[in-house]
Amino acid sequence: MRLFLGIPLPDDLLDVIEKYESNKEFKKFKITWIKRDNLHITLKFLGEVQGEKLNLIKINLSKALKGYQFFYLKPVDINAFPSDHNLRMISLNFEPLLQLSKIVNYIEIALEALGFSKEARLFRPHVTLSRLKDKIDKEKLLEIFKKNKFEFDKIRVDKIILYESILDKHGAKYCVVEEY
């Protein structure tokens, strides 16, 4: 099984994302948007996991995430990721939140005990909206982002999902394995 941990997005936010992506100004670019059903905030990618290790992951995550309180995340902008100079993807970025950083750290510790590598990069909450494969006029794209501000209220985060990613010729499909 190919696994990752993520935060699902509420329908009202997904509606606003779809509307934003449908902006006719984006039609000038060869952008393939990620399907609505696959949008989420990734907390940790685990990769391929076999047999008994899945049960250990569930046990460790249940302990690590036991008693966490719901919280709110505020989307702040849509931009190039990882930077304006290196356009590899388009992302919806969220304000950093200490509570979420602590949860990600608890997840890292719980999974490190099972042999998973701890993420070296600083965690930045975001939703990948598109992976860019073709060369794009980044100046024009960034201009569109600046001109069309993304506005949305906070989202309530009250569950974290362990997903299985099933790859086929049509792309990835995400199935819920466990909910915390």
Protein backbone atom coordinates (compact mmCIF):
# COMPACT_ATOMS: atom_id res chain seq x y z
CA MET A 1 0.00 0.00 0.00
CA ARG A 2 1.17 3.52 -0.83
CA LEU A 3 0.23 5.70 2.17
CA PHE A 4 0.19 9.31 3.31
CA LEU A 5 -1.39 11.40 6.07
CA GLY A 6 -3.48 14.41 5.18
CA ILE A 7 -6.18 16.86 6.12
CA PRO A 8 -9.29 16.76 3.93
CA LEU A 9 -10.76 20.03 2.69
CA PRO A 10 -14.36 21.17 3.25
CA ASP A 11 -16.69 21.40 0.25
CA ASP A 12 -17.10 25.16 0.52
CA LEU A 13 -13.33 25.64 0.17
CA LEU A 14 -13.23 23.16 -2.72
CA ASP A 15 -15.98 25.16 -4.47
CA VAL A 16 -13.95 28.36 -4.15
CA ILE A 17 -10.81 26.61 -5.45
CA GLU A 18 -12.72 25.33 -8.50
CA LYS A 19 -14.06 28.78 -9.21
CA TYR A 20 -10.57 30.28 -8.89
CA GLU A 21 -9.08 27.66 -11.23
CA SER A 22 -11.77 28.30 -13.84
CA ASN A 23 -10.57 31.90 -14.29
CA LYS A 24 -10.25 32.40 -18.05
CA GLU A 25 -6.82 34.01 -17.59
CA PHE A 26 -5.37 30.58 -16.70
CA LYS A 27 -6.48 29.19 -20.09
CA LYS A 28 -3.40 30.85 -21.66
CA PHE A 29 -1.23 28.32 -19.82
CA LYS A 30 -1.01 24.55 -20.05
CA ILE A 31 -2.08 23.92 -16.49
CA THR A 32 -3.54 20.59 -15.48
CA TRP A 33 -5.36 21.12 -12.20
CA ILE A 34 -5.48 18.30 -9.67
CA LYS A 35 -8.91 16.72 -9.36
CA ARG A 36 -11.17 18.06 -6.65
CA ASP A 37 -11.38 14.67 -4.90
CA ASN A 38 -7.59 14.57 -4.56
CA LEU A 39 -7.09 17.99 -2.93
CA HIS A 40 -5.84 17.86 0.66
CA ILE A 41 -3.11 19.18 2.95
CA THR A 42 -0.36 16.54 3.10
CA LEU A 43 1.12 16.08 6.55
CA LYS A 44 3.43 13.12 5.86
CA PHE A 45 4.11 10.86 2.88
CA LEU A 46 4.91 7.31 3.99
CA GLY A 47 5.37 5.57 0.65
CA GLU A 48 4.98 1.82 0.21
CA VAL A 49 3.98 -0.03 3.38
CA GLN A 50 3.60 -3.79 3.66
CA GLY A 51 1.57 -6.11 5.90
CA GLU A 52 1.99 -5.91 9.65
CA LYS A 53 3.62 -2.47 9.51
CA LEU A 54 0.22 -0.95 8.67
CA ASN A 55 -1.18 -2.07 12.03
CA LEU A 56 1.83 -0.62 13.85
CA ILE A 57 1.37 2.67 11.99
CA LYS A 58 -2.29 2.81 13.03
CA ILE A 59 -1.41 2.08 16.67
CA ASN A 60 1.38 4.67 16.82
CA LEU A 61 -0.70 7.33 15.09
CA SER A 62 -3.66 6.69 17.40
CA LYS A 63 -1.38 7.30 20.38
CA ALA A 64 0.30 10.35 18.82
CA LEU A 65 -2.97 11.99 17.79
CA LYS A 66 -5.04 11.03 20.83
CA GLY A 67 -6.80 14.02 22.31
CA TYR A 68 -5.76 16.64 19.79
CA GLN A 69 -8.22 19.51 19.69
CA PHE A 70 -9.81 20.82 16.52
CA PHE A 71 -8.28 23.99 15.17
CA TYR A 72 -8.66 26.45 12.31
CA LEU A 73 -6.39 27.10 9.34
CA LYS A 74 -6.50 30.27 7.29
CA PRO A 75 -5.76 30.10 3.54
CA VAL A 76 -3.58 33.09 2.64
CA ASP A 77 -2.73 32.92 -1.05
CA ILE A 78 -2.23 30.91 -4.20
CA ASN A 79 1.27 31.05 -5.57
CA ALA A 80 4.15 29.17 -7.14
CA PHE A 81 5.75 26.52 -5.02
CA PRO A 82 8.45 26.10 -3.85
CA SER A 83 9.37 29.63 -5.02
CA ASP A 84 8.61 32.28 -7.63
CA HIS A 85 11.88 31.43 -9.38
CA ASN A 86 11.38 27.67 -9.55
CA LEU A 87 7.84 26.99 -10.69
CA ARG A 88 7.17 23.28 -10.20
CA MET A 89 3.70 23.49 -8.77
CA ILE A 90 0.88 25.83 -7.90
CA SER A 91 -0.26 25.72 -4.31
CA LEU A 92 -2.84 27.17 -1.95
CA ASN A 93 -0.84 28.23 1.10
CA PHE A 94 -2.07 28.46 4.69
CA GLU A 95 -0.88 30.55 7.61
CA PRO A 96 1.62 28.58 9.70
CA LEU A 97 0.05 27.47 12.97
CA LEU A 98 1.95 26.32 16.05
CA GLN A 99 -0.74 23.75 16.93
CA LEU A 100 -0.47 22.10 13.49
CA SER A 101 3.35 22.15 13.65
CA LYS A 102 3.16 20.31 16.98
CA ILE A 103 0.79 17.70 15.50
CA VAL A 104 3.13 17.16 12.54
CA ASN A 105 6.02 16.75 14.99
CA TYR A 106 4.06 14.14 17.01
CA ILE A 107 3.36 12.29 13.74
CA GLU A 108 7.06 12.41 12.79
CA ILE A 109 8.13 11.02 16.18
CA ALA A 110 5.49 8.25 16.09
CA LEU A 111 6.54 7.16 12.61
CA GLU A 112 10.28 7.57 13.19
CA ALA A 113 9.92 4.88 15.87
CA LEU A 114 8.81 2.55 13.06
CA GLY A 115 11.75 3.34 10.81
CA PHE A 116 10.32 6.18 8.72
CA SER A 117 12.68 9.07 8.02
CA LYS A 118 11.90 12.35 9.68
CA GLU A 119 11.22 15.16 7.21
CA ALA A 120 14.19 17.50 7.04
CA ARG A 121 12.29 20.44 5.53
CA LEU A 122 10.26 22.87 7.56
CA PHE A 123 6.56 21.96 7.35
CA ARG A 124 4.52 24.49 5.38
CA PRO A 125 0.78 23.78 5.21
CA HIS A 126 -0.37 23.91 1.60
CA VAL A 127 -2.58 22.21 -0.95
CA THR A 128 -0.96 21.31 -4.25
CA LEU A 129 -3.34 22.54 -6.96
CA SER A 130 -1.24 21.70 -10.02
CA ARG A 131 2.11 20.15 -10.90
CA LEU A 132 3.71 22.10 -13.71
CA LYS A 133 5.39 20.01 -16.39
CA ASP A 134 5.65 22.50 -19.25
CA LYS A 135 7.64 25.71 -19.28
CA ILE A 136 5.40 28.55 -18.25
CA ASP A 137 5.89 32.29 -18.49
CA LYS A 138 6.29 32.68 -14.76
CA GLU A 139 6.08 36.47 -14.80
CA LYS A 140 2.64 36.38 -16.43
CA LEU A 141 1.44 33.60 -14.15
CA LEU A 142 2.61 35.42 -11.02
CA GLU A 143 0.90 38.55 -12.30
CA ILE A 144 -2.41 36.65 -12.46
CA PHE A 145 -1.94 35.45 -8.88
CA LYS A 146 -1.32 38.99 -7.68
CA LYS A 147 -4.27 40.37 -9.61
CA ASN A 148 -6.72 37.64 -8.51
CA LYS A 149 -6.38 37.41 -4.75
CA PHE A 150 -7.63 34.19 -3.19
CA GLU A 151 -10.03 34.91 -0.35
CA PHE A 152 -11.56 32.42 2.01
CA ASP A 153 -12.35 32.25 5.68
CA LYS A 154 -10.68 29.79 8.02
CA ILE A 155 -11.31 26.06 7.70
CA ARG A 156 -12.01 23.87 10.69
CA VAL A 157 -9.63 20.93 11.01
CA ASP A 158 -11.20 18.20 13.08
CA LYS A 159 -9.78 15.07 11.47
CA ILE A 160 -6.59 13.71 10.03
CA ILE A 161 -6.79 10.91 7.50
CA LEU A 162 -4.43 8.06 6.71
CA TYR A 163 -4.94 7.66 2.96
CA GLU A 164 -3.99 4.95 0.51
CA SER A 165 -2.92 6.29 -2.86
CA ILE A 166 -3.89 3.92 -5.67
CA LEU A 167 -2.19 4.71 -8.97
CA ASP A 168 -3.64 3.70 -12.31
CA LYS A 169 -3.56 4.94 -15.92
CA HIS A 170 -6.04 7.74 -15.03
CA GLY A 171 -3.94 9.07 -12.15
CA ALA A 172 -4.16 8.68 -8.39
CA LYS A 173 -7.24 7.79 -6.37
CA TYR A 174 -7.18 8.32 -2.61
CA CYS A 175 -9.00 5.96 -0.25
CA VAL A 176 -9.45 6.44 3.49
CA VAL A 177 -7.59 3.78 5.52
CA GLU A 178 -8.07 5.33 8.98
CA GLU A 179 -9.46 8.53 10.42
CA TYR A 180 -8.07 10.27 13.53
